[in-house]
Amino acid sequence: MFDALAVTVRILANPISNALQKRLMRAGADARGVIATTHALLSLMLLPAVPFLASDLPSGRFLLIVGACAALAVAGNAMLVEALSTMDLSLVGPINAYKPIVSLIIAWVLIGETAGVGDLLGIGLITIGSWLIVVRQPGATRRQTWRALLRDRGVRLRLGALVLSALEAVVLKRALAEGSPMAVFVGWSLLGWPIAVATARVGRRQRPTKEIEPGTWKLSVLLALSTGAMQSTTLLTFDRFAVGPALALFQLSSIVSVLLGRGLFREGHFRRRLLCSIVMALGAILIVT
């Protein structure tokens, strides 16, 4: 029951976070600034929990691993948020379908996890769904459409974020071998704060400052809460499942992404994207049954 609740929260929290990130970008926020603010607010919320982790005092090895997780998360999330400024939300989730495959390869290399036949069939179904979701342009072949898609800056950023996120997932799994999910969560938030702030400052020097719409602080607080819910339930799930199947199960969130993209941003190709997302969700179900 608890596992099902954690997975459900994770499935909902991820696309909600993406929708809030996209809204902040539309309001004029900078991608790196969004990540820095999220980590800052989340860290402030978690500071009261630090004394209760005294009995679970982390080692230097633990801090090194969690610090690596935080650095990967900051870099990957900054790329993701930047991609959201130009991409449809309803495409971000489906592209994420490749993460279980990337993570499965990384997990096999780094921590020796292997996939069964059902896992591979499910991941194959997810990949087919993601292939069909791309709408072919008039007069263009599917190959030409895919080439044009892969040249798009937003798609490249999303794929880069996917690789970093998949690598982070495997390292998070390794961190859970050194400490509890709560210790990893708090460490990830606190160590990510200075990394995100430093990254935001570098980005601010490289780009002119934009005027941000008033009232975005409410969105920032909501984003910190949804990010906290997403990361904590991710860790709880990784503590019980292998990385590849867990990430495939999270692919159910692509359906929510399509619904939010339609409802909040009036994105097109709704039926096609919803159908393909359902195909990928069936692949996720196949993996965990």
C-alpha atoms as a PDB file:
ATOM      1  CA  MET A   1       0.000   0.000   0.000  1.00  0.00           C
ATOM      2  CA  PHE A   2       2.763   2.452   0.950  1.00  0.00           C
ATOM      3  CA  ASP A   3       4.741   1.574  -2.193  1.00  0.00           C
ATOM      4  CA  ALA A   4       1.684   2.262  -4.363  1.00  0.00           C
ATOM      5  CA  LEU A   5       1.122   5.610  -2.641  1.00  0.00           C
ATOM      6  CA  ALA A   6       4.762   6.659  -3.121  1.00  0.00           C
ATOM      7  CA  VAL A   7       4.692   5.733  -6.815  1.00  0.00           C
ATOM      8  CA  THR A   8       1.370   7.552  -7.327  1.00  0.00           C
ATOM      9  CA  VAL A   9       2.701  10.737  -5.718  1.00  0.00           C
ATOM     10  CA  ARG A  10       5.841  10.505  -7.858  1.00  0.00           C
ATOM     11  CA  ILE A  11       3.818  10.043 -11.044  1.00  0.00           C
ATOM     12  CA  LEU A  12       1.746  13.158 -10.291  1.00  0.00           C
ATOM     13  CA  ALA A  13       4.489  15.365  -8.817  1.00  0.00           C
ATOM     14  CA  ASN A  14       6.848  15.166 -11.793  1.00  0.00           C
ATOM     15  CA  PRO A  15       4.538  16.617 -14.489  1.00  0.00           C
ATOM     16  CA  ILE A  16       3.164  19.157 -12.001  1.00  0.00           C
ATOM     17  CA  SER A  17       6.739  20.331 -11.387  1.00  0.00           C
ATOM     18  CA  ASN A  18       7.348  20.558 -15.143  1.00  0.00           C
ATOM     19  CA  ALA A  19       4.159  22.594 -15.615  1.00  0.00           C
ATOM     20  CA  LEU A  20       5.208  25.016 -12.866  1.00  0.00           C
ATOM     21  CA  GLN A  21       8.688  25.302 -14.392  1.00  0.00           C
ATOM     22  CA  LYS A  22       7.188  26.082 -17.797  1.00  0.00           C
ATOM     23  CA  ARG A  23       4.911  28.705 -16.244  1.00  0.00           C
ATOM     24  CA  LEU A  24       7.884  30.355 -14.510  1.00  0.00           C
ATOM     25  CA  MET A  25       9.837  30.437 -17.769  1.00  0.00           C
ATOM     26  CA  ARG A  26       6.883  32.111 -19.484  1.00  0.00           C
ATOM     27  CA  ALA A  27       6.882  34.672 -16.667  1.00  0.00           C
ATOM     28  CA  GLY A  28      10.454  35.640 -17.571  1.00  0.00           C
ATOM     29  CA  ALA A  29      12.440  33.548 -15.083  1.00  0.00           C
ATOM     30  CA  ASP A  30      15.865  32.140 -15.938  1.00  0.00           C
ATOM     31  CA  ALA A  31      16.221  28.344 -15.996  1.00  0.00           C
ATOM     32  CA  ARG A  32      19.210  28.288 -13.641  1.00  0.00           C
ATOM     33  CA  GLY A  33      17.532  30.793 -11.361  1.00  0.00           C
ATOM     34  CA  VAL A  34      14.458  28.560 -11.170  1.00  0.00           C
ATOM     35  CA  ILE A  35      16.594  25.611 -10.053  1.00  0.00           C
ATOM     36  CA  ALA A  36      18.532  27.720  -7.525  1.00  0.00           C
ATOM     37  CA  THR A  37      15.326  29.098  -6.003  1.00  0.00           C
ATOM     38  CA  THR A  38      13.805  25.621  -5.818  1.00  0.00           C
ATOM     39  CA  HIS A  39      16.814  24.186  -3.974  1.00  0.00           C
ATOM     40  CA  ALA A  40      16.982  27.204  -1.649  1.00  0.00           C
ATOM     41  CA  LEU A  41      13.318  26.970  -0.633  1.00  0.00           C
ATOM     42  CA  LEU A  42      13.443  23.191  -0.308  1.00  0.00           C
ATOM     43  CA  SER A  43      16.597  23.365   1.837  1.00  0.00           C
ATOM     44  CA  LEU A  44      15.006  25.923   4.163  1.00  0.00           C
ATOM     45  CA  MET A  45      11.986  23.643   4.552  1.00  0.00           C
ATOM     46  CA  LEU A  46      14.221  20.677   5.414  1.00  0.00           C
ATOM     47  CA  LEU A  47      16.627  22.391   7.838  1.00  0.00           C
ATOM     48  CA  PRO A  48      14.456  21.501  10.894  1.00  0.00           C
ATOM     49  CA  ALA A  49      14.873  17.808   9.993  1.00  0.00           C
ATOM     50  CA  VAL A  50      18.680  17.888  10.170  1.00  0.00           C
ATOM     51  CA  PRO A  51      18.949  17.387  13.997  1.00  0.00           C
ATOM     52  CA  PHE A  52      16.810  14.259  13.744  1.00  0.00           C
ATOM     53  CA  LEU A  53      19.369  12.711  11.388  1.00  0.00           C
ATOM     54  CA  ALA A  54      22.137  12.832  14.006  1.00  0.00           C
ATOM     55  CA  SER A  55      21.856   9.079  14.577  1.00  0.00           C
ATOM     56  CA  ASP A  56      22.232   8.568  10.821  1.00  0.00           C
ATOM     57  CA  LEU A  57      25.385  10.675  10.600  1.00  0.00           C
ATOM     58  CA  PRO A  58      26.647  10.473   7.016  1.00  0.00           C
ATOM     59  CA  SER A  59      30.203   9.511   6.170  1.00  0.00           C
ATOM     60  CA  GLY A  60      32.522  11.357   3.814  1.00  0.00           C
ATOM     61  CA  ARG A  61      31.829   8.722   1.165  1.00  0.00           C
ATOM     62  CA  PHE A  62      28.095   9.305   1.560  1.00  0.00           C
ATOM     63  CA  LEU A  63      28.488  13.072   1.147  1.00  0.00           C
ATOM     64  CA  LEU A  64      30.630  12.578  -1.948  1.00  0.00           C
ATOM     65  CA  ILE A  65      28.040  10.341  -3.605  1.00  0.00           C
ATOM     66  CA  VAL A  66      25.096  12.569  -2.684  1.00  0.00           C
ATOM     67  CA  GLY A  67      27.051  15.636  -3.801  1.00  0.00           C
ATOM     68  CA  ALA A  68      27.530  13.997  -7.193  1.00  0.00           C
ATOM     69  CA  CYS A  69      23.777  13.326  -7.318  1.00  0.00           C
ATOM     70  CA  ALA A  70      23.050  16.972  -6.526  1.00  0.00           C
ATOM     71  CA  ALA A  71      25.446  18.228  -9.205  1.00  0.00           C
ATOM     72  CA  LEU A  72      23.885  15.945 -11.826  1.00  0.00           C
ATOM     73  CA  ALA A  73      20.398  17.033 -10.747  1.00  0.00           C
ATOM     74  CA  VAL A  74      21.208  20.744 -10.985  1.00  0.00           C
ATOM     75  CA  ALA A  75      22.747  20.378 -14.446  1.00  0.00           C
ATOM     76  CA  GLY A  76      20.007  18.094 -15.746  1.00  0.00           C
ATOM     77  CA  ASN A  77      17.141  20.151 -14.343  1.00  0.00           C
ATOM     78  CA  ALA A  78      18.593  23.396 -15.707  1.00  0.00           C
ATOM     79  CA  MET A  79      18.681  21.822 -19.176  1.00  0.00           C
ATOM     80  CA  LEU A  80      15.142  20.496 -18.728  1.00  0.00           C
ATOM     81  CA  VAL A  81      13.732  23.861 -17.646  1.00  0.00           C
ATOM     82  CA  GLU A  82      15.480  25.581 -20.559  1.00  0.00           C
ATOM     83  CA  ALA A  83      13.959  23.001 -22.916  1.00  0.00           C
ATOM     84  CA  LEU A  84      10.500  23.683 -21.473  1.00  0.00           C
ATOM     85  CA  SER A  85      10.773  27.291 -22.642  1.00  0.00           C
ATOM     86  CA  THR A  86      10.534  26.123 -26.271  1.00  0.00           C
ATOM     87  CA  MET A  87       8.971  22.633 -26.097  1.00  0.00           C
ATOM     88  CA  ASP A  88       5.430  21.462 -25.456  1.00  0.00           C
ATOM     89  CA  LEU A  89       4.902  19.977 -22.011  1.00  0.00           C
ATOM     90  CA  SER A  90       3.067  17.084 -23.666  1.00  0.00           C
ATOM     91  CA  LEU A  91       6.285  16.146 -25.509  1.00  0.00           C
ATOM     92  CA  VAL A  92       8.598  16.380 -22.508  1.00  0.00           C
ATOM     93  CA  GLY A  93       7.039  13.378 -20.771  1.00  0.00           C
ATOM     94  CA  PRO A  94       7.028  11.045 -23.799  1.00  0.00           C
ATOM     95  CA  ILE A  95      10.660  11.851 -24.669  1.00  0.00           C
ATOM     96  CA  ASN A  96      11.426  10.789 -21.116  1.00  0.00           C
ATOM     97  CA  ALA A  97      10.485   7.258 -22.196  1.00  0.00           C
ATOM     98  CA  TYR A  98      14.099   6.642 -23.129  1.00  0.00           C
ATOM     99  CA  LYS A  99      15.311   7.211 -19.573  1.00  0.00           C
ATOM    100  CA  PRO A 100      14.649   3.609 -18.391  1.00  0.00           C
ATOM    101  CA  ILE A 101      16.745   2.342 -21.282  1.00  0.00           C
ATOM    102  CA  VAL A 102      19.629   4.720 -20.562  1.00  0.00           C
ATOM    103  CA  SER A 103      19.434   3.987 -16.841  1.00  0.00           C
ATOM    104  CA  LEU A 104      19.290   0.257 -17.439  1.00  0.00           C
ATOM    105  CA  ILE A 105      22.554   0.429 -19.381  1.00  0.00           C
ATOM    106  CA  ILE A 106      24.208   2.645 -16.761  1.00  0.00           C
ATOM    107  CA  ALA A 107      22.913   0.488 -13.900  1.00  0.00           C
ATOM    108  CA  TRP A 108      24.234  -2.643 -15.609  1.00  0.00           C
ATOM    109  CA  VAL A 109      27.682  -1.066 -16.002  1.00  0.00           C
ATOM    110  CA  LEU A 110      27.957   0.587 -12.571  1.00  0.00           C
ATOM    111  CA  ILE A 111      25.991  -1.553 -10.119  1.00  0.00           C
ATOM    112  CA  GLY A 112      25.377  -4.833 -11.927  1.00  0.00           C
ATOM    113  CA  GLU A 113      21.580  -4.637 -12.257  1.00  0.00           C
ATOM    114  CA  THR A 114      20.128  -6.741 -15.086  1.00  0.00           C
ATOM    115  CA  ALA A 115      16.774  -6.668 -16.872  1.00  0.00           C
ATOM    116  CA  GLY A 116      14.472  -9.632 -17.377  1.00  0.00           C
ATOM    117  CA  VAL A 117      12.496 -10.501 -20.503  1.00  0.00           C
ATOM    118  CA  GLY A 118       9.414  -8.646 -19.247  1.00  0.00           C
ATOM    119  CA  ASP A 119      11.491  -5.556 -18.521  1.00  0.00           C
ATOM    120  CA  LEU A 120      12.906  -5.553 -22.049  1.00  0.00           C
ATOM    121  CA  LEU A 121       9.479  -6.071 -23.658  1.00  0.00           C
ATOM    122  CA  GLY A 122       8.025  -3.230 -21.617  1.00  0.00           C
ATOM    123  CA  ILE A 123      10.871  -0.882 -22.482  1.00  0.00           C
ATOM    124  CA  GLY A 124      10.431  -1.844 -26.151  1.00  0.00           C
ATOM    125  CA  LEU A 125       6.743  -0.915 -25.998  1.00  0.00           C
ATOM    126  CA  ILE A 126       7.632   2.426 -24.406  1.00  0.00           C
ATOM    127  CA  THR A 127      10.097   3.112 -27.211  1.00  0.00           C
ATOM    128  CA  ILE A 128       7.520   2.288 -29.907  1.00  0.00           C
ATOM    129  CA  GLY A 129       5.047   4.692 -28.310  1.00  0.00           C
ATOM    130  CA  SER A 130       7.605   7.471 -28.213  1.00  0.00           C
ATOM    131  CA  TRP A 131       8.438   6.862 -31.893  1.00  0.00           C
ATOM    132  CA  LEU A 132       4.788   7.127 -32.965  1.00  0.00           C
ATOM    133  CA  ILE A 133       4.161  10.321 -31.009  1.00  0.00           C
ATOM    134  CA  VAL A 134       6.215  12.396 -33.444  1.00  0.00           C
ATOM    135  CA  VAL A 135       3.904  14.017 -36.013  1.00  0.00           C
ATOM    136  CA  ARG A 136       5.287  13.759 -39.544  1.00  0.00           C
ATOM    137  CA  GLN A 137       5.427  17.075 -41.392  1.00  0.00           C
ATOM    138  CA  PRO A 138       3.540  17.360 -44.740  1.00  0.00           C
ATOM    139  CA  GLY A 139       5.736  16.196 -47.621  1.00  0.00           C
ATOM    140  CA  ALA A 140       8.440  14.873 -45.308  1.00  0.00           C
ATOM    141  CA  THR A 141       9.364  11.286 -44.554  1.00  0.00           C
ATOM    142  CA  ARG A 142       9.421  10.071 -40.971  1.00  0.00           C
ATOM    143  CA  ARG A 143      13.225   9.991 -41.118  1.00  0.00           C
ATOM    144  CA  GLN A 144      13.340  13.628 -42.258  1.00  0.00           C
ATOM    145  CA  THR A 145      10.916  14.585 -39.502  1.00  0.00           C
ATOM    146  CA  TRP A 146      13.087  12.899 -36.897  1.00  0.00           C
ATOM    147  CA  ARG A 147      16.213  14.594 -38.245  1.00  0.00           C
ATOM    148  CA  ALA A 148      14.515  17.988 -37.994  1.00  0.00           C
ATOM    149  CA  LEU A 149      13.338  17.135 -34.498  1.00  0.00           C
ATOM    150  CA  LEU A 150      16.815  16.150 -33.348  1.00  0.00           C
ATOM    151  CA  ARG A 151      18.212  19.432 -34.671  1.00  0.00           C
ATOM    152  CA  ASP A 152      15.790  21.358 -32.463  1.00  0.00           C
ATOM    153  CA  ARG A 153      17.591  23.021 -29.538  1.00  0.00           C
ATOM    154  CA  GLY A 154      14.823  22.210 -27.068  1.00  0.00           C
ATOM    155  CA  VAL A 155      14.870  18.526 -27.977  1.00  0.00           C
ATOM    156  CA  ARG A 156      18.654  18.374 -27.673  1.00  0.00           C
ATOM    157  CA  LEU A 157      18.487  20.005 -24.258  1.00  0.00           C
ATOM    158  CA  ARG A 158      15.784  17.535 -23.221  1.00  0.00           C
ATOM    159  CA  LEU A 159      17.852  14.569 -24.371  1.00  0.00           C
ATOM    160  CA  GLY A 160      20.898  15.928 -22.542  1.00  0.00           C
ATOM    161  CA  ALA A 161      18.807  16.357 -19.414  1.00  0.00           C
ATOM    162  CA  LEU A 162      17.551  12.800 -19.843  1.00  0.00           C
ATOM    163  CA  VAL A 163      21.067  11.352 -19.875  1.00  0.00           C
ATOM    164  CA  LEU A 164      22.104  13.345 -16.797  1.00  0.00           C
ATOM    165  CA  SER A 165      18.896  12.413 -14.996  1.00  0.00           C
ATOM    166  CA  ALA A 166      19.361   8.732 -15.814  1.00  0.00           C
ATOM    167  CA  LEU A 167      22.909   8.864 -14.483  1.00  0.00           C
ATOM    168  CA  GLU A 168      21.669  10.654 -11.367  1.00  0.00           C
ATOM    169  CA  ALA A 169      19.107   7.893 -10.809  1.00  0.00           C
ATOM    170  CA  VAL A 170      21.809   5.229 -10.780  1.00  0.00           C
ATOM    171  CA  VAL A 171      24.018   7.262  -8.426  1.00  0.00           C
ATOM    172  CA  LEU A 172      21.019   7.857  -6.141  1.00  0.00           C
ATOM    173  CA  LYS A 173      20.556   4.098  -5.965  1.00  0.00           C
ATOM    174  CA  ARG A 174      24.188   3.825  -4.890  1.00  0.00           C
ATOM    175  CA  ALA A 175      23.673   6.542  -2.273  1.00  0.00           C
ATOM    176  CA  LEU A 176      20.802   4.542  -0.774  1.00  0.00           C
ATOM    177  CA  ALA A 177      23.307   1.778  -0.025  1.00  0.00           C
ATOM    178  CA  GLU A 178      25.164   4.277   2.193  1.00  0.00           C
ATOM    179  CA  GLY A 179      22.263   6.008   3.971  1.00  0.00           C
ATOM    180  CA  SER A 180      18.502   6.126   4.503  1.00  0.00           C
ATOM    181  CA  PRO A 181      16.128   7.697   1.939  1.00  0.00           C
ATOM    182  CA  MET A 182      15.550  10.625   4.315  1.00  0.00           C
ATOM    183  CA  ALA A 183      19.294  11.244   4.755  1.00  0.00           C
ATOM    184  CA  VAL A 184      19.827  11.101   0.987  1.00  0.00           C
ATOM    185  CA  PHE A 185      16.893  13.458   0.397  1.00  0.00           C
ATOM    186  CA  VAL A 186      18.092  16.065   2.895  1.00  0.00           C
ATOM    187  CA  GLY A 187      21.696  15.777   1.691  1.00  0.00           C
ATOM    188  CA  TRP A 188      20.618  16.094  -1.943  1.00  0.00           C
ATOM    189  CA  SER A 189      18.664  19.263  -1.166  1.00  0.00           C
ATOM    190  CA  LEU A 190      21.291  20.949   1.025  1.00  0.00           C
ATOM    191  CA  LEU A 191      24.282  20.103  -1.177  1.00  0.00           C
ATOM    192  CA  GLY A 192      22.381  21.075  -4.304  1.00  0.00           C
ATOM    193  CA  TRP A 193      21.664  24.553  -2.936  1.00  0.00           C
ATOM    194  CA  PRO A 194      25.200  26.041  -3.250  1.00  0.00           C
ATOM    195  CA  ILE A 195      25.771  24.224  -6.544  1.00  0.00           C
ATOM    196  CA  ALA A 196      22.559  25.664  -7.996  1.00  0.00           C
ATOM    197  CA  VAL A 197      23.321  29.170  -6.712  1.00  0.00           C
ATOM    198  CA  ALA A 198      26.829  29.091  -8.219  1.00  0.00           C
ATOM    199  CA  THR A 199      25.415  27.887 -11.537  1.00  0.00           C
ATOM    200  CA  ALA A 200      22.768  30.626 -11.520  1.00  0.00           C
ATOM    201  CA  ARG A 201      25.389  33.324 -10.911  1.00  0.00           C
ATOM    202  CA  VAL A 202      27.479  32.118 -13.834  1.00  0.00           C
ATOM    203  CA  GLY A 203      24.392  32.119 -16.040  1.00  0.00           C
ATOM    204  CA  ARG A 204      23.448  35.631 -14.920  1.00  0.00           C
ATOM    205  CA  ARG A 205      26.795  36.971 -16.129  1.00  0.00           C
ATOM    206  CA  GLN A 206      26.305  35.349 -19.524  1.00  0.00           C
ATOM    207  CA  ARG A 207      22.745  36.570 -20.123  1.00  0.00           C
ATOM    208  CA  PRO A 208      20.963  39.901 -19.706  1.00  0.00           C
ATOM    209  CA  THR A 209      18.530  40.069 -16.783  1.00  0.00           C
ATOM    210  CA  LYS A 210      14.856  39.842 -17.775  1.00  0.00           C
ATOM    211  CA  GLU A 211      11.941  41.484 -16.038  1.00  0.00           C
ATOM    212  CA  ILE A 212       9.972  38.811 -14.186  1.00  0.00           C
ATOM    213  CA  GLU A 213       6.210  39.011 -13.756  1.00  0.00           C
ATOM    214  CA  PRO A 214       5.052  39.839 -10.198  1.00  0.00           C
ATOM    215  CA  GLY A 215       3.588  37.061  -8.055  1.00  0.00           C
ATOM    216  CA  THR A 216       5.928  34.334  -9.264  1.00  0.00           C
ATOM    217  CA  TRP A 217       7.011  33.597  -5.677  1.00  0.00           C
ATOM    218  CA  LYS A 218       3.818  31.584  -5.215  1.00  0.00           C
ATOM    219  CA  LEU A 219       4.743  29.430  -8.186  1.00  0.00           C
ATOM    220  CA  SER A 220       8.260  29.044  -6.774  1.00  0.00           C
ATOM    221  CA  VAL A 221       6.941  27.805  -3.419  1.00  0.00           C
ATOM    222  CA  LEU A 222       4.608  25.354  -5.142  1.00  0.00           C
ATOM    223  CA  LEU A 223       7.504  24.168  -7.294  1.00  0.00           C
ATOM    224  CA  ALA A 224       9.673  23.583  -4.221  1.00  0.00           C
ATOM    225  CA  LEU A 225       6.877  21.529  -2.628  1.00  0.00           C
ATOM    226  CA  SER A 226       6.232  19.465  -5.756  1.00  0.00           C
ATOM    227  CA  THR A 227       9.971  18.928  -6.278  1.00  0.00           C
ATOM    228  CA  GLY A 228      10.320  17.770  -2.678  1.00  0.00           C
ATOM    229  CA  ALA A 229       7.424  15.357  -3.120  1.00  0.00           C
ATOM    230  CA  MET A 230       8.903  14.085  -6.378  1.00  0.00           C
ATOM    231  CA  GLN A 231      12.432  13.543  -5.070  1.00  0.00           C
ATOM    232  CA  SER A 232      11.418  11.971  -1.752  1.00  0.00           C
ATOM    233  CA  THR A 233       9.051   9.491  -3.396  1.00  0.00           C
ATOM    234  CA  THR A 234      11.679   8.762  -6.056  1.00  0.00           C
ATOM    235  CA  LEU A 235      14.103   7.737  -3.311  1.00  0.00           C
ATOM    236  CA  LEU A 236      11.473   5.649  -1.528  1.00  0.00           C
ATOM    237  CA  THR A 237      10.740   3.843  -4.793  1.00  0.00           C
ATOM    238  CA  PHE A 238      14.422   3.312  -5.619  1.00  0.00           C
ATOM    239  CA  ASP A 239      14.818   1.829  -2.155  1.00  0.00           C
ATOM    240  CA  ARG A 240      12.344  -0.926  -3.120  1.00  0.00           C
ATOM    241  CA  PHE A 241      12.767  -1.362  -6.889  1.00  0.00           C
ATOM    242  CA  ALA A 242      15.636  -1.673  -9.376  1.00  0.00           C
ATOM    243  CA  VAL A 243      16.431   1.525 -11.284  1.00  0.00           C
ATOM    244  CA  GLY A 244      15.241   0.490 -14.774  1.00  0.00           C
ATOM    245  CA  PRO A 245      11.804  -0.844 -13.786  1.00  0.00           C
ATOM    246  CA  ALA A 246      11.254   2.072 -11.367  1.00  0.00           C
ATOM    247  CA  LEU A 247      11.916   4.660 -14.073  1.00  0.00           C
ATOM    248  CA  ALA A 248       9.714   2.765 -16.510  1.00  0.00           C
ATOM    249  CA  LEU A 249       6.914   2.803 -13.944  1.00  0.00           C
ATOM    250  CA  PHE A 250       7.362   6.567 -13.585  1.00  0.00           C
ATOM    251  CA  GLN A 251       6.626   6.821 -17.308  1.00  0.00           C
ATOM    252  CA  LEU A 252       2.937   6.763 -16.356  1.00  0.00           C
ATOM    253  CA  SER A 253       3.456  10.458 -15.637  1.00  0.00           C
ATOM    254  CA  SER A 254       3.616  11.084 -19.398  1.00  0.00           C
ATOM    255  CA  ILE A 255      -0.183  10.739 -19.499  1.00  0.00           C
ATOM    256  CA  VAL A 256      -0.473  13.459 -16.865  1.00  0.00           C
ATOM    257  CA  SER A 257       1.965  15.633 -18.857  1.00  0.00           C
ATOM    258  CA  VAL A 258      -0.233  15.371 -21.953  1.00  0.00           C
ATOM    259  CA  LEU A 259      -3.361  16.263 -19.953  1.00  0.00           C
ATOM    260  CA  LEU A 260      -1.659  19.235 -18.276  1.00  0.00           C
ATOM    261  CA  GLY A 261      -0.213  20.408 -21.589  1.00  0.00           C
ATOM    262  CA  ARG A 262      -3.682  20.464 -23.095  1.00  0.00           C
ATOM    263  CA  GLY A 263      -5.446  21.930 -20.067  1.00  0.00           C
ATOM    264  CA  LEU A 264      -2.914  24.601 -19.063  1.00  0.00           C
ATOM    265  CA  PHE A 265      -1.132  25.515 -22.302  1.00  0.00           C
ATOM    266  CA  ARG A 266      -3.628  24.474 -25.027  1.00  0.00           C
ATOM    267  CA  GLU A 267      -1.049  22.278 -26.777  1.00  0.00           C
ATOM    268  CA  GLY A 268      -2.017  20.506 -29.993  1.00  0.00           C
ATOM    269  CA  HIS A 269      -2.077  16.889 -31.245  1.00  0.00           C
ATOM    270  CA  PHE A 270      -3.843  15.927 -28.027  1.00  0.00           C
ATOM    271  CA  ARG A 271      -5.407  12.623 -29.092  1.00  0.00           C
ATOM    272  CA  ARG A 272      -2.271  11.310 -30.789  1.00  0.00           C
ATOM    273  CA  ARG A 273      -0.041  12.224 -27.855  1.00  0.00           C
ATOM    274  CA  LEU A 274      -2.502  10.811 -25.334  1.00  0.00           C
ATOM    275  CA  LEU A 275      -2.794   7.526 -27.232  1.00  0.00           C
ATOM    276  CA  CYS A 276       0.976   7.165 -27.534  1.00  0.00           C
ATOM    277  CA  SER A 277       1.392   7.991 -23.852  1.00  0.00           C
ATOM    278  CA  ILE A 278      -1.078   5.231 -22.987  1.00  0.00           C
ATOM    279  CA  VAL A 279       0.949   2.790 -25.120  1.00  0.00           C
ATOM    280  CA  MET A 280       4.044   3.753 -23.141  1.00  0.00           C
ATOM    281  CA  ALA A 281       2.132   3.400 -19.892  1.00  0.00           C
ATOM    282  CA  LEU A 282       1.182  -0.149 -20.896  1.00  0.00           C
ATOM    283  CA  GLY A 283       4.865  -0.818 -21.388  1.00  0.00           C
ATOM    284  CA  ALA A 284       5.506   0.456 -17.881  1.00  0.00           C
ATOM    285  CA  ILE A 285       2.806  -1.838 -16.490  1.00  0.00           C
ATOM    286  CA  LEU A 286       4.336  -4.792 -18.344  1.00  0.00           C
ATOM    287  CA  ILE A 287       7.665  -4.108 -16.671  1.00  0.00           C
ATOM    288  CA  VAL A 288       6.342  -4.249 -13.105  1.00  0.00           C
ATOM    289  CA  THR A 289       3.930  -7.174 -13.479  1.00  0.00           C
END
